[in-house]
Amino acid sequence: NALSVPDVEYKIEKTLKMGVTGTSVRVLVKGEEEESVDVHEHEHGHS
């Protein structure tokens, strides 16, 4: 965070998923996290 990448905040935390420990890194841009989702057609028709 001290690198001062514009509008960016890093969050790092230990996690437990499916019984296995690991590390989660999240990047917030202007306070919002950009989600990674499958390419998916929504009900309203956009991809």
All heavy atoms as atom14 arrays in JSON, in Angstrom:
{
  "sequence": "NALSVPDVEYKIEKTLKMGVTGTSVRVLVKGEEEESVDVHEHEHGHS",
  "atom14_mask": [
    [1, 1, 1, 1, 1, 1, 1, 1, 0, 0, 0, 0, 0, 0],
    [1, 1, 1, 1, 1, 0, 0, 0, 0, 0, 0, 0, 0, 0],
    [1, 1, 1, 1, 1, 1, 1, 1, 0, 0, 0, 0, 0, 0],
    [1, 1, 1, 1, 1, 1, 0, 0, 0, 0, 0, 0, 0, 0],
    [1, 1, 1, 1, 1, 1, 1, 0, 0, 0, 0, 0, 0, 0],
    [1, 1, 1, 1, 1, 1, 1, 0, 0, 0, 0, 0, 0, 0],
    [1, 1, 1, 1, 1, 1, 1, 1, 0, 0, 0, 0, 0, 0],
    [1, 1, 1, 1, 1, 1, 1, 0, 0, 0, 0, 0, 0, 0],
    [1, 1, 1, 1, 1, 1, 1, 1, 1, 0, 0, 0, 0, 0],
    [1, 1, 1, 1, 1, 1, 1, 1, 1, 1, 1, 1, 0, 0],
    [1, 1, 1, 1, 1, 1, 1, 1, 1, 0, 0, 0, 0, 0],
    [1, 1, 1, 1, 1, 1, 1, 1, 0, 0, 0, 0, 0, 0],
    [1, 1, 1, 1, 1, 1, 1, 1, 1, 0, 0, 0, 0, 0],
    [1, 1, 1, 1, 1, 1, 1, 1, 1, 0, 0, 0, 0, 0],
    [1, 1, 1, 1, 1, 1, 1, 0, 0, 0, 0, 0, 0, 0],
    [1, 1, 1, 1, 1, 1, 1, 1, 0, 0, 0, 0, 0, 0],
    [1, 1, 1, 1, 1, 1, 1, 1, 1, 0, 0, 0, 0, 0],
    [1, 1, 1, 1, 1, 1, 1, 1, 0, 0, 0, 0, 0, 0],
    [1, 1, 1, 1, 0, 0, 0, 0, 0, 0, 0, 0, 0, 0],
    [1, 1, 1, 1, 1, 1, 1, 0, 0, 0, 0, 0, 0, 0],
    [1, 1, 1, 1, 1, 1, 1, 0, 0, 0, 0, 0, 0, 0],
    [1, 1, 1, 1, 0, 0, 0, 0, 0, 0, 0, 0, 0, 0],
    [1, 1, 1, 1, 1, 1, 1, 0, 0, 0, 0, 0, 0, 0],
    [1, 1, 1, 1, 1, 1, 0, 0, 0, 0, 0, 0, 0, 0],
    [1, 1, 1, 1, 1, 1, 1, 0, 0, 0, 0, 0, 0, 0],
    [1, 1, 1, 1, 1, 1, 1, 1, 1, 1, 1, 0, 0, 0],
    [1, 1, 1, 1, 1, 1, 1, 0, 0, 0, 0, 0, 0, 0],
    [1, 1, 1, 1, 1, 1, 1, 1, 0, 0, 0, 0, 0, 0],
    [1, 1, 1, 1, 1, 1, 1, 0, 0, 0, 0, 0, 0, 0],
    [1, 1, 1, 1, 1, 1, 1, 1, 1, 0, 0, 0, 0, 0],
    [1, 1, 1, 1, 0, 0, 0, 0, 0, 0, 0, 0, 0, 0],
    [1, 1, 1, 1, 1, 1, 1, 1, 1, 0, 0, 0, 0, 0],
    [1, 1, 1, 1, 1, 1, 1, 1, 1, 0, 0, 0, 0, 0],
    [1, 1, 1, 1, 1, 1, 1, 1, 1, 0, 0, 0, 0, 0],
    [1, 1, 1, 1, 1, 1, 1, 1, 1, 0, 0, 0, 0, 0],
    [1, 1, 1, 1, 1, 1, 0, 0, 0, 0, 0, 0, 0, 0],
    [1, 1, 1, 1, 1, 1, 1, 0, 0, 0, 0, 0, 0, 0],
    [1, 1, 1, 1, 1, 1, 1, 1, 0, 0, 0, 0, 0, 0],
    [1, 1, 1, 1, 1, 1, 1, 0, 0, 0, 0, 0, 0, 0],
    [1, 1, 1, 1, 1, 1, 1, 1, 1, 1, 0, 0, 0, 0],
    [1, 1, 1, 1, 1, 1, 1, 1, 1, 0, 0, 0, 0, 0],
    [1, 1, 1, 1, 1, 1, 1, 1, 1, 1, 0, 0, 0, 0],
    [1, 1, 1, 1, 1, 1, 1, 1, 1, 0, 0, 0, 0, 0],
    [1, 1, 1, 1, 1, 1, 1, 1, 1, 1, 0, 0, 0, 0],
    [1, 1, 1, 1, 0, 0, 0, 0, 0, 0, 0, 0, 0, 0],
    [1, 1, 1, 1, 1, 1, 1, 1, 1, 1, 0, 0, 0, 0],
    [1, 1, 1, 1, 1, 1, 0, 0, 0, 0, 0, 0, 0, 0]
  ],
  "atom14_positions": [
    [[0.83, -1.21, 0.0], [0.0, 0.0, 0.0], [0.86, 1.26, 0.0], [0.45, 2.3, -0.51], [-0.96, 0.0, 1.19], [-2.11, -0.98, 1.0], [-2.62, -1.13, -0.11], [-2.52, -1.65, 2.07], [0.0, 0.0, 0.0], [0.0, 0.0, 0.0], [0.0, 0.0, 0.0], [0.0, 0.0, 0.0], [0.0, 0.0, 0.0], [0.0, 0.0, 0.0]],
    [[2.07, 1.14, 0.56], [2.98, 2.29, 0.6], [3.55, 2.6, -0.78], [4.16, 3.66, -0.99], [4.12, 2.02, 1.58], [0.0, 0.0, 0.0], [0.0, 0.0, 0.0], [0.0, 0.0, 0.0], [0.0, 0.0, 0.0], [0.0, 0.0, 0.0], [0.0, 0.0, 0.0], [0.0, 0.0, 0.0], [0.0, 0.0, 0.0], [0.0, 0.0, 0.0]],
    [[3.34, 1.7, -1.75], [3.79, 1.97, -3.11], [2.97, 3.07, -3.77], [3.38, 3.66, -4.77], [3.69, 0.7, -3.97], [4.61, -0.46, -3.6], [4.28, -1.67, -4.48], [6.07, -0.07, -3.76], [0.0, 0.0, 0.0], [0.0, 0.0, 0.0], [0.0, 0.0, 0.0], [0.0, 0.0, 0.0], [0.0, 0.0, 0.0], [0.0, 0.0, 0.0]],
    [[1.79, 3.32, -3.21], [0.9, 4.39, -3.7], [0.48, 4.2, -5.15], [0.51, 5.13, -5.96], [1.57, 5.76, -3.52], [1.85, 6.02, -2.16], [0.0, 0.0, 0.0], [0.0, 0.0, 0.0], [0.0, 0.0, 0.0], [0.0, 0.0, 0.0], [0.0, 0.0, 0.0], [0.0, 0.0, 0.0], [0.0, 0.0, 0.0], [0.0, 0.0, 0.0]],
    [[0.08, 2.97, -5.49], [-0.53, 2.74, -6.8], [-1.88, 3.46, -6.78], [-2.67, 3.26, -5.86], [-0.72, 1.24, -7.08], [-1.35, 1.03, -8.45], [0.61, 0.5, -6.97], [0.0, 0.0, 0.0], [0.0, 0.0, 0.0], [0.0, 0.0, 0.0], [0.0, 0.0, 0.0], [0.0, 0.0, 0.0], [0.0, 0.0, 0.0], [0.0, 0.0, 0.0]],
    [[-2.17, 4.33, -7.74], [-3.37, 5.18, -7.68], [-4.66, 4.41, -7.45], [-4.95, 3.42, -8.13], [-3.38, 5.85, -9.06], [-1.97, 5.82, -9.51], [-1.39, 4.55, -8.97], [0.0, 0.0, 0.0], [0.0, 0.0, 0.0], [0.0, 0.0, 0.0], [0.0, 0.0, 0.0], [0.0, 0.0, 0.0], [0.0, 0.0, 0.0], [0.0, 0.0, 0.0]],
    [[-5.43, 4.86, -6.46], [-6.77, 4.33, -6.17], [-6.77, 2.86, -5.74], [-7.83, 2.23, -5.71], [-7.7, 4.48, -7.38], [-7.87, 5.92, -7.82], [-7.94, 6.79, -6.94], [-7.92, 6.17, -9.04], [0.0, 0.0, 0.0], [0.0, 0.0, 0.0], [0.0, 0.0, 0.0], [0.0, 0.0, 0.0], [0.0, 0.0, 0.0], [0.0, 0.0, 0.0]],
    [[-5.6, 2.32, -5.4], [-5.49, 0.89, -5.11], [-5.2, 0.64, -3.63], [-4.41, 1.34, -3.02], [-4.38, 0.24, -5.97], [-3.94, -1.11, -5.41], [-4.84, 0.08, -7.41], [0.0, 0.0, 0.0], [0.0, 0.0, 0.0], [0.0, 0.0, 0.0], [0.0, 0.0, 0.0], [0.0, 0.0, 0.0], [0.0, 0.0, 0.0], [0.0, 0.0, 0.0]],
    [[-5.88, -0.38, -3.09], [-5.58, -0.85, -1.74], [-5.42, -2.37, -1.78], [-6.25, -3.08, -2.34], [-6.7, -0.49, -0.76], [-6.43, -0.98, 0.66], [-7.58, -0.71, 1.62], [-8.62, -0.19, 1.15], [-7.45, -1.03, 2.81], [0.0, 0.0, 0.0], [0.0, 0.0, 0.0], [0.0, 0.0, 0.0], [0.0, 0.0, 0.0], [0.0, 0.0, 0.0]],
    [[-4.32, -2.85, -1.21], [-4.06, -4.29, -1.13], [-4.54, -4.84, 0.2], [-4.35, -4.22, 1.25], [-2.57, -4.57, -1.23], [-1.91, -4.2, -2.54], [-1.34, -2.94, -2.71], [-1.82, -5.11, -3.58], [-0.71, -2.59, -3.9], [-1.19, -4.78, -4.78], [-0.63, -3.52, -4.92], [-0.01, -3.18, -6.09], [0.0, 0.0, 0.0], [0.0, 0.0, 0.0]],
    [[-5.15, -6.0, 0.16], [-5.55, -6.7, 1.38], [-5.03, -8.14, 1.28], [-5.29, -8.82, 0.29], [-7.06, -6.69, 1.55], [-7.63, -5.32, 1.92], [-9.11, -5.4, 2.23], [-9.65, -4.05, 2.67], [-9.09, -3.6, 3.95], [0.0, 0.0, 0.0], [0.0, 0.0, 0.0], [0.0, 0.0, 0.0], [0.0, 0.0, 0.0], [0.0, 0.0, 0.0]],
    [[-4.28, -8.56, 2.3], [-3.71, -9.91, 2.32], [-4.1, -10.59, 3.61], [-3.97, -10.01, 4.69], [-2.17, -9.87, 2.2], [-1.74, -9.1, 0.95], [-1.6, -11.29, 2.17], [-0.23, -8.93, 0.83], [0.0, 0.0, 0.0], [0.0, 0.0, 0.0], [0.0, 0.0, 0.0], [0.0, 0.0, 0.0], [0.0, 0.0, 0.0], [0.0, 0.0, 0.0]],
    [[-4.61, -11.81, 3.51], [-5.0, -12.52, 4.71], [-4.87, -14.02, 4.52], [-4.91, -14.54, 3.4], [-6.44, -12.17, 5.09], [-7.45, -12.5, 4.01], [-8.85, -12.0, 4.34], [-9.02, -11.3, 5.34], [-9.77, -12.34, 3.57], [0.0, 0.0, 0.0], [0.0, 0.0, 0.0], [0.0, 0.0, 0.0], [0.0, 0.0, 0.0], [0.0, 0.0, 0.0]],
    [[-4.66, -14.72, 5.63], [-4.62, -16.18, 5.6], [-6.04, -16.71, 5.47], [-6.98, -16.15, 6.03], [-3.98, -16.73, 6.87], [-2.51, -16.36, 7.04], [-1.66, -17.03, 5.96], [-0.19, -16.72, 6.17], [0.64, -17.34, 5.11], [0.0, 0.0, 0.0], [0.0, 0.0, 0.0], [0.0, 0.0, 0.0], [0.0, 0.0, 0.0], [0.0, 0.0, 0.0]],
    [[-6.19, -17.78, 4.7], [-7.51, -18.35, 4.49], [-7.46, -19.86, 4.69], [-6.39, -20.47, 4.68], [-8.03, -18.07, 3.06], [-7.12, -18.64, 2.11], [-8.17, -16.58, 2.82], [0.0, 0.0, 0.0], [0.0, 0.0, 0.0], [0.0, 0.0, 0.0], [0.0, 0.0, 0.0], [0.0, 0.0, 0.0], [0.0, 0.0, 0.0], [0.0, 0.0, 0.0]],
    [[-8.64, -20.44, 4.84], [-8.79, -21.89, 4.91], [-9.9, -22.26, 3.94], [-11.04, -21.81, 4.09], [-9.16, -22.34, 6.32], [-9.35, -23.85, 6.51], [-8.03, -24.58, 6.3], [-9.9, -24.14, 7.91], [0.0, 0.0, 0.0], [0.0, 0.0, 0.0], [0.0, 0.0, 0.0], [0.0, 0.0, 0.0], [0.0, 0.0, 0.0], [0.0, 0.0, 0.0]],
    [[-9.57, -23.04, 2.92], [-10.55, -23.39, 1.9], [-10.44, -24.89, 1.62], [-9.36, -25.4, 1.33], [-10.3, -22.58, 0.63], [-11.41, -22.67, -0.39], [-11.17, -21.71, -1.55], [-11.25, -20.26, -1.07], [-11.09, -19.31, -2.2], [0.0, 0.0, 0.0], [0.0, 0.0, 0.0], [0.0, 0.0, 0.0], [0.0, 0.0, 0.0], [0.0, 0.0, 0.0]],
    [[-11.56, -25.57, 1.71], [-11.59, -27.01, 1.48], [-10.58, -27.74, 2.38], [-9.98, -28.74, 2.0], [-11.32, -27.34, 0.01], [-12.28, -26.68, -0.97], [-13.98, -27.29, -0.81], [-13.8, -28.94, -1.47], [0.0, 0.0, 0.0], [0.0, 0.0, 0.0], [0.0, 0.0, 0.0], [0.0, 0.0, 0.0], [0.0, 0.0, 0.0], [0.0, 0.0, 0.0]],
    [[-10.37, -27.2, 3.57], [-9.49, -27.83, 4.53], [-8.02, -27.55, 4.33], [-7.17, -28.1, 5.04], [0.0, 0.0, 0.0], [0.0, 0.0, 0.0], [0.0, 0.0, 0.0], [0.0, 0.0, 0.0], [0.0, 0.0, 0.0], [0.0, 0.0, 0.0], [0.0, 0.0, 0.0], [0.0, 0.0, 0.0], [0.0, 0.0, 0.0], [0.0, 0.0, 0.0]],
    [[-7.68, -26.7, 3.37], [-6.28, -26.39, 3.08], [-6.02, -24.9, 3.32], [-6.79, -24.05, 2.88], [-5.93, -26.74, 1.61], [-4.47, -26.41, 1.31], [-6.2, -28.21, 1.34], [0.0, 0.0, 0.0], [0.0, 0.0, 0.0], [0.0, 0.0, 0.0], [0.0, 0.0, 0.0], [0.0, 0.0, 0.0], [0.0, 0.0, 0.0], [0.0, 0.0, 0.0]],
    [[-4.95, -24.6, 4.04], [-4.63, -23.21, 4.32], [-3.93, -22.58, 3.13], [-3.28, -23.26, 2.33], [-3.71, -23.08, 5.55], [-2.5, -23.81, 5.3], [-4.39, -23.63, 6.79], [0.0, 0.0, 0.0], [0.0, 0.0, 0.0], [0.0, 0.0, 0.0], [0.0, 0.0, 0.0], [0.0, 0.0, 0.0], [0.0, 0.0, 0.0], [0.0, 0.0, 0.0]],
    [[-4.07, -21.29, 3.03], [-3.43, -20.56, 1.94], [-3.46, -19.07, 2.22], [-3.74, -18.65, 3.35], [0.0, 0.0, 0.0], [0.0, 0.0, 0.0], [0.0, 0.0, 0.0], [0.0, 0.0, 0.0], [0.0, 0.0, 0.0], [0.0, 0.0, 0.0], [0.0, 0.0, 0.0], [0.0, 0.0, 0.0], [0.0, 0.0, 0.0], [0.0, 0.0, 0.0]],
    [[-3.17, -18.29, 1.23], [-3.14, -16.84, 1.36], [-4.02, -16.21, 0.29], [-3.94, -16.59, -0.88], [-1.69, -16.32, 1.22], [-0.89, -16.87, 2.26], [-1.66, -14.79, 1.33], [0.0, 0.0, 0.0], [0.0, 0.0, 0.0], [0.0, 0.0, 0.0], [0.0, 0.0, 0.0], [0.0, 0.0, 0.0], [0.0, 0.0, 0.0], [0.0, 0.0, 0.0]],
    [[-4.84, -15.26, 0.69], [-5.71, -14.54, -0.23], [-5.19, -13.12, -0.4], [-4.92, -12.43, 0.58], [-7.14, -14.5, 0.34], [-7.92, -13.56, -0.36], [0.0, 0.0, 0.0], [0.0, 0.0, 0.0], [0.0, 0.0, 0.0], [0.0, 0.0, 0.0], [0.0, 0.0, 0.0], [0.0, 0.0, 0.0], [0.0, 0.0, 0.0], [0.0, 0.0, 0.0]],
    [[-5.02, -12.71, -1.65], [-4.65, -11.34, -1.96], [-5.81, -10.71, -2.72], [-6.25, -11.23, -3.74], [-3.37, -11.26, -2.81], [-3.11, -9.83, -3.27], [-2.18, -11.78, -2.02], [0.0, 0.0, 0.0], [0.0, 0.0, 0.0], [0.0, 0.0, 0.0], [0.0, 0.0, 0.0], [0.0, 0.0, 0.0], [0.0, 0.0, 0.0], [0.0, 0.0, 0.0]],
    [[-6.31, -9.61, -2.21], [-7.38, -8.88, -2.88], [-6.91, -7.47, -3.18], [-6.21, -6.86, -2.39], [-8.65, -8.84, -2.02], [-9.29, -10.2, -1.8], [-10.62, -10.06, -1.08], [-10.45, -9.51, 0.26], [-11.23, -8.56, 0.79], [-12.22, -8.05, 0.07], [-11.01, -8.13, 2.01], [0.0, 0.0, 0.0], [0.0, 0.0, 0.0], [0.0, 0.0, 0.0]],
    [[-7.32, -6.97, -4.33], [-7.0, -5.61, -4.72], [-8.29, -4.82, -4.81], [-9.19, -5.18, -5.56], [-6.26, -5.57, -6.07], [-6.09, -4.13, -6.55], [-4.9, -6.24, -5.96], [0.0, 0.0, 0.0], [0.0, 0.0, 0.0], [0.0, 0.0, 0.0], [0.0, 0.0, 0.0], [0.0, 0.0, 0.0], [0.0, 0.0, 0.0], [0.0, 0.0, 0.0]],
    [[-8.39, -3.76, -4.04], [-9.55, -2.87, -4.1], [-9.17, -1.64, -4.92], [-8.12, -1.04, -4.71], [-9.98, -2.44, -2.7], [-10.31, -3.55, -1.69], [-10.8, -2.95, -0.38], [-11.33, -4.51, -2.25], [0.0, 0.0, 0.0], [0.0, 0.0, 0.0], [0.0, 0.0, 0.0], [0.0, 0.0, 0.0], [0.0, 0.0, 0.0], [0.0, 0.0, 0.0]],
    [[-10.02, -1.31, -5.87], [-9.82, -0.11, -6.69], [-10.94, 0.87, -6.35], [-12.11, 0.57, -6.55], [-9.84, -0.45, -8.19], [-9.61, 0.81, -9.02], [-8.79, -1.49, -8.52], [0.0, 0.0, 0.0], [0.0, 0.0, 0.0], [0.0, 0.0, 0.0], [0.0, 0.0, 0.0], [0.0, 0.0, 0.0], [0.0, 0.0, 0.0], [0.0, 0.0, 0.0]],
    [[-10.56, 2.0, -5.79], [-11.53, 2.98, -5.3], [-12.51, 2.32, -4.33], [-13.71, 2.59, -4.35], [-12.28, 3.64, -6.46], [-11.38, 4.49, -7.35], [-12.17, 5.19, -8.45], [-11.25, 6.07, -9.3], [-12.0, 6.76, -10.38], [0.0, 0.0, 0.0], [0.0, 0.0, 0.0], [0.0, 0.0, 0.0], [0.0, 0.0, 0.0], [0.0, 0.0, 0.0]],
    [[-11.98, 1.43, -3.51], [-12.78, 0.79, -2.47], [-13.59, -0.4, -2.93], [-14.28, -1.04, -2.13], [0.0, 0.0, 0.0], [0.0, 0.0, 0.0], [0.0, 0.0, 0.0], [0.0, 0.0, 0.0], [0.0, 0.0, 0.0], [0.0, 0.0, 0.0], [0.0, 0.0, 0.0], [0.0, 0.0, 0.0], [0.0, 0.0, 0.0], [0.0, 0.0, 0.0]],
    [[-13.53, -0.74, -4.22], [-14.31, -1.85, -4.74], [-13.4, -2.94, -5.27], [-12.36, -2.66, -5.86], [-15.24, -1.38, -5.87], [-16.28, -0.36, -5.45], [-17.17, 0.07, -6.59], [-16.98, -0.49, -7.71], [-18.03, 0.92, -6.39], [0.0, 0.0, 0.0], [0.0, 0.0, 0.0], [0.0, 0.0, 0.0], [0.0, 0.0, 0.0], [0.0, 0.0, 0.0]],
    [[-13.8, -4.18, -5.04], [-13.04, -5.31, -5.56], [-13.58, -5.71, -6.91], [-14.78, -5.85, -7.1], [-13.14, -6.5, -4.59], [-12.29, -7.69, -5.03], [-12.3, -8.8, -4.0], [-13.04, -8.67, -3.0], [-11.57, -9.78, -4.2], [0.0, 0.0, 0.0], [0.0, 0.0, 0.0], [0.0, 0.0, 0.0], [0.0, 0.0, 0.0], [0.0, 0.0, 0.0]],
    [[-12.67, -5.89, -7.87], [-13.07, -6.32, -9.19], [-13.16, -7.84, -9.17], [-12.19, -8.52, -8.89], [-12.07, -5.85, -10.23], [-11.97, -4.34, -10.26], [-11.7, -3.84, -11.65], [-11.09, -4.56, -12.44], [-12.11, -2.72, -11.94], [0.0, 0.0, 0.0], [0.0, 0.0, 0.0], [0.0, 0.0, 0.0], [0.0, 0.0, 0.0], [0.0, 0.0, 0.0]],
    [[-14.36, -8.34, -9.48], [-14.59, -9.77, -9.38], [-14.08, -10.49, -10.61], [-14.1, -9.98, -11.71], [-16.09, -10.04, -9.24], [-16.7, -9.46, -7.99], [-18.19, -9.69, -7.98], [-18.59, -10.77, -7.51], [-18.93, -8.83, -8.44], [0.0, 0.0, 0.0], [0.0, 0.0, 0.0], [0.0, 0.0, 0.0], [0.0, 0.0, 0.0], [0.0, 0.0, 0.0]],
    [[-13.66, -11.72, -10.4], [-13.33, -12.59, -11.53], [-14.44, -13.61, -11.63], [-14.7, -14.36, -10.71], [-12.0, -13.3, -11.29], [-11.75, -14.22, -12.32], [0.0, 0.0, 0.0], [0.0, 0.0, 0.0], [0.0, 0.0, 0.0], [0.0, 0.0, 0.0], [0.0, 0.0, 0.0], [0.0, 0.0, 0.0], [0.0, 0.0, 0.0], [0.0, 0.0, 0.0]],
    [[-15.15, -13.6, -12.75], [-16.28, -14.51, -12.9], [-16.13, -15.29, -14.19], [-15.41, -14.91, -15.1], [-17.62, -13.73, -12.94], [-17.85, -13.03, -11.64], [-17.66, -12.75, -14.1], [0.0, 0.0, 0.0], [0.0, 0.0, 0.0], [0.0, 0.0, 0.0], [0.0, 0.0, 0.0], [0.0, 0.0, 0.0], [0.0, 0.0, 0.0], [0.0, 0.0, 0.0]],
    [[-16.82, -16.4, -14.28], [-16.85, -17.15, -15.53], [-17.55, -16.31, -16.59], [-18.43, -15.51, -16.3], [-17.65, -18.45, -15.36], [-16.86, -19.5, -14.63], [-15.64, -19.54, -14.83], [-17.46, -20.26, -13.86], [0.0, 0.0, 0.0], [0.0, 0.0, 0.0], [0.0, 0.0, 0.0], [0.0, 0.0, 0.0], [0.0, 0.0, 0.0], [0.0, 0.0, 0.0]],
    [[-17.17, -16.5, -17.82], [-17.9, -15.86, -18.92], [-19.3, -16.43, -18.86], [-19.52, -17.62, -18.97], [-17.24, -16.19, -20.27], [-18.04, -15.6, -21.4], [-15.81, -15.66, -20.28], [0.0, 0.0, 0.0], [0.0, 0.0, 0.0], [0.0, 0.0, 0.0], [0.0, 0.0, 0.0], [0.0, 0.0, 0.0], [0.0, 0.0, 0.0], [0.0, 0.0, 0.0]],
    [[-20.28, -15.55, -18.66], [-21.61, -16.04, -18.32], [-22.66, -15.14, -18.94], [-22.61, -13.92, -18.79], [-21.74, -16.04, -16.79], [-23.08, -16.51, -16.31], [-23.45, -17.83, -16.36], [-24.12, -15.84, -15.77], [-24.68, -17.94, -15.85], [-25.1, -16.75, -15.49], [0.0, 0.0, 0.0], [0.0, 0.0, 0.0], [0.0, 0.0, 0.0], [0.0, 0.0, 0.0]],
    [[-23.59, -15.72, -19.62], [-24.68, -14.93, -20.19], [-25.73, -14.7, -19.1], [-26.29, -15.63, -18.55], [-25.34, -15.7, -21.35], [-24.45, -15.84, -22.57], [-24.22, -14.51, -23.28], [-25.04, -13.59, -23.06], [-23.24, -14.4, -24.01], [0.0, 0.0, 0.0], [0.0, 0.0, 0.0], [0.0, 0.0, 0.0], [0.0, 0.0, 0.0], [0.0, 0.0, 0.0]],
    [[-25.99, -13.44, -18.8], [-27.0, -13.1, -17.81], [-28.41, -13.2, -18.4], [-28.6, -13.24, -19.6], [-26.77, -11.66, -17.32], [-25.57, -11.55, -16.45], [-25.66, -11.37, -15.11], [-24.25, -11.61, -16.75], [-24.44, -11.29, -14.6], [-23.57, -11.44, -15.57], [0.0, 0.0, 0.0], [0.0, 0.0, 0.0], [0.0, 0.0, 0.0], [0.0, 0.0, 0.0]],
    [[-29.37, -13.17, -17.52], [-30.75, -13.25, -17.96], [-31.13, -12.07, -18.84], [-31.98, -12.17, -19.7], [-31.68, -13.33, -16.74], [-31.55, -14.64, -15.99], [-32.48, -14.67, -14.8], [-33.2, -13.68, -14.56], [-32.49, -15.69, -14.12], [0.0, 0.0, 0.0], [0.0, 0.0, 0.0], [0.0, 0.0, 0.0], [0.0, 0.0, 0.0], [0.0, 0.0, 0.0]],
    [[-30.44, -10.93, -18.62], [-30.77, -9.77, -19.42], [-29.91, -9.71, -20.68], [-29.92, -8.71, -21.4], [-30.64, -8.47, -18.61], [-29.41, -8.41, -17.76], [-28.15, -8.27, -18.3], [-29.25, -8.48, -16.42], [-27.27, -8.23, -17.32], [-27.89, -8.37, -16.19], [0.0, 0.0, 0.0], [0.0, 0.0, 0.0], [0.0, 0.0, 0.0], [0.0, 0.0, 0.0]],
    [[-29.15, -10.78, -20.96], [-28.6, -10.95, -22.29], [-27.21, -10.44, -22.55], [-26.74, -10.52, -23.67], [0.0, 0.0, 0.0], [0.0, 0.0, 0.0], [0.0, 0.0, 0.0], [0.0, 0.0, 0.0], [0.0, 0.0, 0.0], [0.0, 0.0, 0.0], [0.0, 0.0, 0.0], [0.0, 0.0, 0.0], [0.0, 0.0, 0.0], [0.0, 0.0, 0.0]],
    [[-26.47, -9.88, -21.57], [-25.13, -9.44, -21.89], [-24.12, -10.45, -21.4], [-24.39, -11.26, -20.57], [-24.85, -8.04, -21.31], [-24.48, -8.04, -19.86], [-25.41, -8.19, -18.87], [-23.26, -7.93, -19.25], [-24.8, -8.15, -17.69], [-23.51, -8.01, -17.89], [0.0, 0.0, 0.0], [0.0, 0.0, 0.0], [0.0, 0.0, 0.0], [0.0, 0.0, 0.0]],
    [[-22.94, -10.37, -21.98], [-21.89, -11.33, -21.65], [-20.82, -10.64, -20.83], [-20.35, -9.58, -21.19], [-21.29, -11.88, -22.93], [-20.21, -12.74, -22.64], [0.0, 0.0, 0.0], [0.0, 0.0, 0.0], [0.0, 0.0, 0.0], [0.0, 0.0, 0.0], [0.0, 0.0, 0.0], [0.0, 0.0, 0.0], [0.0, 0.0, 0.0], [0.0, 0.0, 0.0]]
  ]
}
